[in-house]
Amino acid sequence: MRNEIRRLREEAGLSQGALGTELGVSRQTVNSLETGKYDPSLPLAFAIARYFGTTIEEIFHADL
């Protein structure tokens, strides 16, 4: 699953560690999300969307 987390994080001027702190996860988790090695739980996906003020659908894209 592709996602826009890296782009959103960089536009917000956040490091992976800072975003992780905001979301209650580790920097490694943010890295794994950004690189597509880990798909978030539904509560984490909602937290990411809420943090960036957008929808889950706008952040996460199915690989076609």
PDB file of N, CA and C in Angstrom:
ATOM      1  N   MET A   1       0.833  -1.172   0.000  1.00  0.00           N
ATOM      2  CA  MET A   1       0.000   0.000   0.000  1.00  0.00           C
ATOM      3  C   MET A   1       0.889   1.250   0.000  1.00  0.00           C
ATOM      4  N   ARG A   2       0.669   2.108  -0.977  1.00  0.00           N
ATOM      5  CA  ARG A   2       1.407   3.370  -1.032  1.00  0.00           C
ATOM      6  C   ARG A   2       0.736   4.375  -0.104  1.00  0.00           C
ATOM      7  N   ASN A   3       1.523   5.376   0.336  1.00  0.00           N
ATOM      8  CA  ASN A   3       0.935   6.395   1.186  1.00  0.00           C
ATOM      9  C   ASN A   3       1.661   7.726   1.023  1.00  0.00           C
ATOM     10  N   GLU A   4       1.051   8.748   1.574  1.00  0.00           N
ATOM     11  CA  GLU A   4       1.561  10.117   1.472  1.00  0.00           C
ATOM     12  C   GLU A   4       2.173  10.606   2.785  1.00  0.00           C
ATOM     13  N   ILE A   5       2.493   9.704   3.688  1.00  0.00           N
ATOM     14  CA  ILE A   5       2.964  10.111   5.006  1.00  0.00           C
ATOM     15  C   ILE A   5       4.262  10.904   4.914  1.00  0.00           C
ATOM     16  N   ARG A   6       5.230  10.437   4.151  1.00  0.00           N
ATOM     17  CA  ARG A   6       6.501  11.156   4.050  1.00  0.00           C
ATOM     18  C   ARG A   6       6.283  12.584   3.532  1.00  0.00           C
ATOM     19  N   ARG A   7       5.504  12.718   2.476  1.00  0.00           N
ATOM     20  CA  ARG A   7       5.249  14.038   1.906  1.00  0.00           C
ATOM     21  C   ARG A   7       4.578  14.957   2.928  1.00  0.00           C
ATOM     22  N   LEU A   8       3.558  14.451   3.598  1.00  0.00           N
ATOM     23  CA  LEU A   8       2.854  15.257   4.589  1.00  0.00           C
ATOM     24  C   LEU A   8       3.770  15.631   5.746  1.00  0.00           C
ATOM     25  N   ARG A   9       4.566  14.678   6.196  1.00  0.00           N
ATOM     26  CA  ARG A   9       5.491  14.929   7.305  1.00  0.00           C
ATOM     27  C   ARG A   9       6.502  15.995   6.927  1.00  0.00           C
ATOM     28  N   GLU A  10       7.086  15.869   5.746  1.00  0.00           N
ATOM     29  CA  GLU A  10       8.096  16.834   5.303  1.00  0.00           C
ATOM     30  C   GLU A  10       7.485  18.216   5.107  1.00  0.00           C
ATOM     31  N   GLU A  11       6.274  18.280   4.544  1.00  0.00           N
ATOM     32  CA  GLU A  11       5.606  19.569   4.369  1.00  0.00           C
ATOM     33  C   GLU A  11       5.332  20.244   5.712  1.00  0.00           C
ATOM     34  N   ALA A  12       5.111  19.428   6.746  1.00  0.00           N
ATOM     35  CA  ALA A  12       4.863  19.954   8.087  1.00  0.00           C
ATOM     36  C   ALA A  12       6.166  20.285   8.813  1.00  0.00           C
ATOM     37  N   GLY A  13       7.314  19.939   8.201  1.00  0.00           N
ATOM     38  CA  GLY A  13       8.604  20.228   8.807  1.00  0.00           C
ATOM     39  C   GLY A  13       8.924  19.357  10.005  1.00  0.00           C
ATOM     40  N   LEU A  14       8.406  18.135   9.996  1.00  0.00           N
ATOM     41  CA  LEU A  14       8.609  17.216  11.114  1.00  0.00           C
ATOM     42  C   LEU A  14       9.637  16.148  10.777  1.00  0.00           C
ATOM     43  N   SER A  15      10.387  15.735  11.784  1.00  0.00           N
ATOM     44  CA  SER A  15      11.244  14.558  11.633  1.00  0.00           C
ATOM     45  C   SER A  15      10.376  13.322  11.863  1.00  0.00           C
ATOM     46  N   GLN A  16      10.906  12.168  11.512  1.00  0.00           N
ATOM     47  CA  GLN A  16      10.169  10.932  11.781  1.00  0.00           C
ATOM     48  C   GLN A  16       9.937  10.767  13.279  1.00  0.00           C
ATOM     49  N   GLY A  17      10.944  11.112  14.070  1.00  0.00           N
ATOM     50  CA  GLY A  17      10.813  10.994  15.524  1.00  0.00           C
ATOM     51  C   GLY A  17       9.737  11.909  16.077  1.00  0.00           C
ATOM     52  N   ALA A  18       9.682  13.147  15.566  1.00  0.00           N
ATOM     53  CA  ALA A  18       8.678  14.102  16.042  1.00  0.00           C
ATOM     54  C   ALA A  18       7.271  13.632  15.692  1.00  0.00           C
ATOM     55  N   LEU A  19       7.091  13.120  14.476  1.00  0.00           N
ATOM     56  CA  LEU A  19       5.774  12.602  14.095  1.00  0.00           C
ATOM     57  C   LEU A  19       5.425  11.397  14.948  1.00  0.00           C
ATOM     58  N   GLY A  20       6.391  10.526  15.165  1.00  0.00           N
ATOM     59  CA  GLY A  20       6.147   9.369  16.022  1.00  0.00           C
ATOM     60  C   GLY A  20       5.686   9.768  17.410  1.00  0.00           C
ATOM     61  N   THR A  21       6.324  10.783  17.976  1.00  0.00           N
ATOM     62  CA  THR A  21       5.933  11.274  19.299  1.00  0.00           C
ATOM     63  C   THR A  21       4.497  11.779  19.279  1.00  0.00           C
ATOM     64  N   GLU A  22       4.151  12.534  18.252  1.00  0.00           N
ATOM     65  CA  GLU A  22       2.784  13.064  18.126  1.00  0.00           C
ATOM     66  C   GLU A  22       1.750  11.948  18.022  1.00  0.00           C
ATOM     67  N   LEU A  23       2.130  10.843  17.365  1.00  0.00           N
ATOM     68  CA  LEU A  23       1.196   9.732  17.130  1.00  0.00           C
ATOM     69  C   LEU A  23       1.275   8.651  18.202  1.00  0.00           C
ATOM     70  N   GLY A  24       2.278   8.743  19.079  1.00  0.00           N
ATOM     71  CA  GLY A  24       2.433   7.726  20.119  1.00  0.00           C
ATOM     72  C   GLY A  24       3.064   6.442  19.618  1.00  0.00           C
ATOM     73  N   VAL A  25       3.886   6.559  18.570  1.00  0.00           N
ATOM     74  CA  VAL A  25       4.604   5.397  18.039  1.00  0.00           C
ATOM     75  C   VAL A  25       6.082   5.752  17.920  1.00  0.00           C
ATOM     76  N   SER A  26       6.908   4.777  17.612  1.00  0.00           N
ATOM     77  CA  SER A  26       8.347   5.008  17.494  1.00  0.00           C
ATOM     78  C   SER A  26       8.720   5.603  16.136  1.00  0.00           C
ATOM     79  N   ARG A  27       9.915   6.160  16.073  1.00  0.00           N
ATOM     80  CA  ARG A  27      10.456   6.662  14.807  1.00  0.00           C
ATOM     81  C   ARG A  27      10.533   5.523  13.809  1.00  0.00           C
ATOM     82  N   GLN A  28      10.902   4.330  14.290  1.00  0.00           N
ATOM     83  CA  GLN A  28      11.016   3.165  13.408  1.00  0.00           C
ATOM     84  C   GLN A  28       9.672   2.801  12.788  1.00  0.00           C
ATOM     85  N   THR A  29       8.599   2.968  13.556  1.00  0.00           N
ATOM     86  CA  THR A  29       7.267   2.689  13.019  1.00  0.00           C
ATOM     87  C   THR A  29       6.928   3.678  11.913  1.00  0.00           C
ATOM     88  N   VAL A  30       7.236   4.954  12.128  1.00  0.00           N
ATOM     89  CA  VAL A  30       6.986   5.960  11.093  1.00  0.00           C
ATOM     90  C   VAL A  30       7.783   5.618   9.837  1.00  0.00           C
ATOM     91  N   ASN A  31       9.042   5.230  10.012  1.00  0.00           N
ATOM     92  CA  ASN A  31       9.871   4.849   8.873  1.00  0.00           C
ATOM     93  C   ASN A  31       9.259   3.659   8.143  1.00  0.00           C
ATOM     94  N   SER A  32       8.815   2.659   8.878  1.00  0.00           N
ATOM     95  CA  SER A  32       8.215   1.470   8.260  1.00  0.00           C
ATOM     96  C   SER A  32       6.928   1.812   7.523  1.00  0.00           C
ATOM     97  N   LEU A  33       6.148   2.737   8.061  1.00  0.00           N
ATOM     98  CA  LEU A  33       4.936   3.184   7.375  1.00  0.00           C
ATOM     99  C   LEU A  33       5.294   3.885   6.075  1.00  0.00           C
ATOM    100  N   GLU A  34       6.262   4.796   6.145  1.00  0.00           N
ATOM    101  CA  GLU A  34       6.639   5.578   4.965  1.00  0.00           C
ATOM    102  C   GLU A  34       7.199   4.711   3.840  1.00  0.00           C
ATOM    103  N   THR A  35       7.911   3.668   4.192  1.00  0.00           N
ATOM    104  CA  THR A  35       8.529   2.811   3.186  1.00  0.00           C
ATOM    105  C   THR A  35       7.631   1.655   2.760  1.00  0.00           C
ATOM    106  N   GLY A  36       6.431   1.580   3.327  1.00  0.00           N
ATOM    107  CA  GLY A  36       5.483   0.539   2.943  1.00  0.00           C
ATOM    108  C   GLY A  36       5.772  -0.824   3.516  1.00  0.00           C
ATOM    109  N   LYS A  37       6.639  -0.897   4.522  1.00  0.00           N
ATOM    110  CA  LYS A  37       6.963  -2.189   5.147  1.00  0.00           C
ATOM    111  C   LYS A  37       5.932  -2.576   6.194  1.00  0.00           C
ATOM    112  N   TYR A  38       5.096  -1.623   6.569  1.00  0.00           N
ATOM    113  CA  TYR A  38       4.126  -1.838   7.634  1.00  0.00           C
ATOM    114  C   TYR A  38       2.850  -1.092   7.278  1.00  0.00           C
ATOM    115  N   ASP A  39       1.717  -1.772   7.362  1.00  0.00           N
ATOM    116  CA  ASP A  39       0.423  -1.129   7.181  1.00  0.00           C
ATOM    117  C   ASP A  39      -0.123  -0.820   8.571  1.00  0.00           C
ATOM    118  N   PRO A  40      -0.617   0.391   8.790  1.00  0.00           N
ATOM    119  CA  PRO A  40      -1.070   0.771  10.126  1.00  0.00           C
ATOM    120  C   PRO A  40      -2.364   0.075  10.518  1.00  0.00           C
ATOM    121  N   SER A  41      -2.550  -0.039  11.831  1.00  0.00           N
ATOM    122  CA  SER A  41      -3.841  -0.487  12.335  1.00  0.00           C
ATOM    123  C   SER A  41      -4.868   0.594  11.983  1.00  0.00           C
ATOM    124  N   LEU A  42      -6.125   0.262  12.029  1.00  0.00           N
ATOM    125  CA  LEU A  42      -7.160   1.240  11.720  1.00  0.00           C
ATOM    126  C   LEU A  42      -7.110   2.434  12.687  1.00  0.00           C
ATOM    127  N   PRO A  43      -6.943   2.210  14.003  1.00  0.00           N
ATOM    128  CA  PRO A  43      -6.838   3.366  14.900  1.00  0.00           C
ATOM    129  C   PRO A  43      -5.641   4.263  14.573  1.00  0.00           C
ATOM    130  N   LEU A  44      -4.514   3.679  14.189  1.00  0.00           N
ATOM    131  CA  LEU A  44      -3.346   4.484  13.836  1.00  0.00           C
ATOM    132  C   LEU A  44      -3.591   5.233  12.532  1.00  0.00           C
ATOM    133  N   ALA A  45      -4.227   4.592  11.567  1.00  0.00           N
ATOM    134  CA  ALA A  45      -4.543   5.266  10.304  1.00  0.00           C
ATOM    135  C   ALA A  45      -5.453   6.470  10.559  1.00  0.00           C
ATOM    136  N   PHE A  46      -6.447   6.308  11.437  1.00  0.00           N
ATOM    137  CA  PHE A  46      -7.317   7.431  11.789  1.00  0.00           C
ATOM    138  C   PHE A  46      -6.531   8.529  12.489  1.00  0.00           C
ATOM    139  N   ALA A  47      -5.611   8.149  13.372  1.00  0.00           N
ATOM    140  CA  ALA A  47      -4.799   9.142  14.090  1.00  0.00           C
ATOM    141  C   ALA A  47      -3.925   9.938  13.120  1.00  0.00           C
ATOM    142  N   ILE A  48      -3.346   9.264  12.138  1.00  0.00           N
ATOM    143  CA  ILE A  48      -2.519   9.942  11.132  1.00  0.00           C
ATOM    144  C   ILE A  48      -3.367  10.927  10.339  1.00  0.00           C
ATOM    145  N   ALA A  49      -4.528  10.474   9.876  1.00  0.00           N
ATOM    146  CA  ALA A  49      -5.413  11.344   9.098  1.00  0.00           C
ATOM    147  C   ALA A  49      -5.870  12.538   9.935  1.00  0.00           C
ATOM    148  N   ARG A  50      -6.231  12.286  11.172  1.00  0.00           N
ATOM    149  CA  ARG A  50      -6.674  13.365  12.059  1.00  0.00           C
ATOM    150  C   ARG A  50      -5.543  14.365  12.292  1.00  0.00           C
ATOM    151  N   TYR A  51      -4.335  13.867  12.504  1.00  0.00           N
ATOM    152  CA  TYR A  51      -3.198  14.751  12.752  1.00  0.00           C
ATOM    153  C   TYR A  51      -2.966  15.695  11.571  1.00  0.00           C
ATOM    154  N   PHE A  52      -3.046  15.154  10.366  1.00  0.00           N
ATOM    155  CA  PHE A  52      -2.786  15.963   9.175  1.00  0.00           C
ATOM    156  C   PHE A  52      -4.045  16.654   8.640  1.00  0.00           C
ATOM    157  N   GLY A  53      -5.190  16.448   9.298  1.00  0.00           N
ATOM    158  CA  GLY A  53      -6.417  17.124   8.894  1.00  0.00           C
ATOM    159  C   GLY A  53      -6.924  16.694   7.537  1.00  0.00           C
ATOM    160  N   THR A  54      -6.828  15.397   7.269  1.00  0.00           N
ATOM    161  CA  THR A  54      -7.258  14.876   5.978  1.00  0.00           C
ATOM    162  C   THR A  54      -7.968  13.541   6.200  1.00  0.00           C
ATOM    163  N   THR A  55      -8.266  12.842   5.126  1.00  0.00           N
ATOM    164  CA  THR A  55      -8.938  11.549   5.248  1.00  0.00           C
ATOM    165  C   THR A  55      -7.937  10.407   5.044  1.00  0.00           C
ATOM    166  N   ILE A  56      -8.320   9.258   5.518  1.00  0.00           N
ATOM    167  CA  ILE A  56      -7.496   8.062   5.324  1.00  0.00           C
ATOM    168  C   ILE A  56      -7.303   7.801   3.831  1.00  0.00           C
ATOM    169  N   GLU A  57      -8.374   7.988   3.066  1.00  0.00           N
ATOM    170  CA  GLU A  57      -8.320   7.717   1.631  1.00  0.00           C
ATOM    171  C   GLU A  57      -7.338   8.623   0.904  1.00  0.00           C
ATOM    172  N   GLU A  58      -7.162   9.839   1.396  1.00  0.00           N
ATOM    173  CA  GLU A  58      -6.218  10.763   0.777  1.00  0.00           C
ATOM    174  C   GLU A  58      -4.765  10.444   1.134  1.00  0.00           C
ATOM    175  N   ILE A  59      -4.563   9.688   2.194  1.00  0.00           N
ATOM    176  CA  ILE A  59      -3.201   9.340   2.625  1.00  0.00           C
ATOM    177  C   ILE A  59      -2.770   7.984   2.082  1.00  0.00           C
ATOM    178  N   PHE A  60      -3.657   7.012   2.124  1.00  0.00           N
ATOM    179  CA  PHE A  60      -3.298   5.637   1.755  1.00  0.00           C
ATOM    180  C   PHE A  60      -3.928   5.265   0.420  1.00  0.00           C
ATOM    181  N   HIS A  61      -3.117   4.644  -0.452  1.00  0.00           N
ATOM    182  CA  HIS A  61      -3.553   4.251  -1.792  1.00  0.00           C
ATOM    183  C   HIS A  61      -3.264   2.767  -1.999  1.00  0.00           C
ATOM    184  N   ALA A  62      -4.223   2.066  -2.526  1.00  0.00           N
ATOM    185  CA  ALA A  62      -4.007   0.656  -2.843  1.00  0.00           C
ATOM    186  C   ALA A  62      -3.081   0.550  -4.049  1.00  0.00           C
ATOM    187  N   ASP A  63      -2.189  -0.422  -4.013  1.00  0.00           N
ATOM    188  CA  ASP A  63      -1.335  -0.675  -5.181  1.00  0.00           C
ATOM    189  C   ASP A  63      -2.194  -1.342  -6.252  1.00  0.00           C
ATOM    190  N   LEU A  64      -2.195  -0.743  -7.410  1.00  0.00           N
ATOM    191  CA  LEU A  64      -3.015  -1.307  -8.498  1.00  0.00           C
ATOM    192  C   LEU A  64      -2.156  -2.002  -9.520  1.00  0.00           C
TER     193      LEU A  64
END
